[in-house]
């Protein structure tokens, strides 16, 4: 599934899960949701490399912050991608 699908359906996942996404991080990038007990920054599934994106709990917080900004779901999702990219650069 792609990242946009994961973000639109975020309520289906546990707050204890994490999102892993193929680079480059775009809304169309392939994504996996895994138990955060994995605690890995990079995983490989079926010869594809996925990097840690964000925890579901962080996405929930970001979505709550965006609710009053009158954005469509695609723009809100893009802001989450930009947040993850900028957060990753700080590490």
Protein backbone atom coordinates (compact mmCIF):
# COMPACT_ATOMS: atom_id res chain seq x y z
CA UNK A 1 0.00 0.00 0.00
CA UNK A 2 1.18 3.56 -0.53
CA UNK A 3 1.87 6.11 2.19
CA UNK A 4 -1.22 8.17 1.37
CA UNK A 5 -3.41 5.09 1.92
CA UNK A 6 -1.75 4.49 5.30
CA UNK A 7 -2.25 8.11 6.38
CA UNK A 8 -5.89 8.24 5.25
CA UNK A 9 -6.61 5.01 7.15
CA UNK A 10 -4.44 5.77 10.18
CA UNK A 11 -7.27 4.91 12.62
CA UNK A 12 -6.98 1.24 11.57
CA UNK A 13 -3.53 0.93 13.13
CA UNK A 14 -2.40 0.67 16.74
CA UNK A 15 -0.75 3.67 18.35
CA UNK A 16 2.09 1.28 19.16
CA UNK A 17 2.87 0.68 15.47
CA UNK A 18 5.40 2.46 13.26
CA UNK A 19 5.35 3.38 9.59
CA UNK A 20 8.22 2.40 7.31
CA UNK A 21 8.43 3.89 3.81
CA UNK A 22 10.56 3.41 0.69
CA UNK A 23 12.66 6.39 -0.35
CA UNK A 24 12.06 8.93 -1.69
CA UNK A 25 9.30 9.74 0.77
CA UNK A 26 6.26 10.82 -1.20
CA UNK A 27 2.58 10.12 -0.76
CA UNK A 28 2.90 7.52 -3.53
CA UNK A 29 5.83 5.67 -1.91
CA UNK A 30 5.24 2.10 -0.78
CA UNK A 31 4.70 1.85 2.98
CA UNK A 32 4.54 -0.84 5.66
CA UNK A 33 3.05 -0.56 9.14
CA UNK A 34 4.84 -2.73 11.69
CA UNK A 35 4.84 -3.23 15.41
CA UNK A 36 7.09 -0.65 17.02
CA UNK A 37 8.73 -3.52 18.90
CA UNK A 38 10.79 -3.96 15.72
CA UNK A 39 12.81 -0.90 16.83
CA UNK A 40 14.74 -0.83 13.55
CA UNK A 41 15.47 2.22 11.43
CA UNK A 42 15.79 0.27 8.18
CA UNK A 43 14.06 -2.96 7.22
CA UNK A 44 14.06 -5.10 4.11
CA UNK A 45 10.92 -6.84 2.86
CA UNK A 46 10.86 -8.78 -0.41
CA UNK A 47 14.08 -7.11 -1.62
CA UNK A 48 12.71 -3.63 -0.92
CA UNK A 49 14.27 -1.30 1.63
CA UNK A 50 11.95 0.60 3.96
CA UNK A 51 13.12 3.29 6.36
CA UNK A 52 11.49 4.32 9.61
CA UNK A 53 9.07 7.17 8.87
CA UNK A 54 7.04 7.98 12.00
CA UNK A 55 5.17 6.25 14.82
CA UNK A 56 1.39 6.10 14.46
CA UNK A 57 1.05 8.08 17.71
CA UNK A 58 3.05 10.96 16.21
CA UNK A 59 0.91 10.95 13.06
CA UNK A 60 -2.21 11.08 15.26
CA UNK A 61 -0.79 14.15 17.04
CA UNK A 62 0.07 15.85 13.75
CA UNK A 63 -3.41 15.16 12.35
CA UNK A 64 -4.97 16.67 15.48
CA UNK A 65 -2.86 19.81 15.00
CA UNK A 66 -4.01 20.15 11.38
CA UNK A 67 -7.74 19.79 12.03
CA UNK A 68 -8.29 23.55 12.45
CA UNK A 69 -6.27 24.53 9.37
CA UNK A 70 -9.01 23.78 6.82
CA UNK A 71 -6.75 21.63 4.63
CA UNK A 72 -7.81 18.77 2.40
CA UNK A 73 -6.56 15.32 3.45
CA UNK A 74 -3.93 15.29 0.68
CA UNK A 75 -2.42 18.61 1.84
CA UNK A 76 -2.50 17.45 5.45
CA UNK A 77 -0.77 14.22 4.44
CA UNK A 78 1.87 16.15 2.51
CA UNK A 79 2.59 18.23 5.62
CA UNK A 80 3.15 15.01 7.55
CA UNK A 81 5.64 13.86 4.89
CA UNK A 82 7.45 17.20 5.12
CA UNK A 83 7.53 16.94 8.93
CA UNK A 84 9.07 13.45 8.71
CA UNK A 85 11.65 14.59 6.16
CA UNK A 86 12.66 17.61 8.24
CA UNK A 87 12.73 15.59 11.47
CA UNK A 88 14.92 12.96 9.82
CA UNK A 89 17.43 15.62 8.77
CA UNK A 90 17.86 16.68 12.40
CA UNK A 91 19.08 13.23 13.46
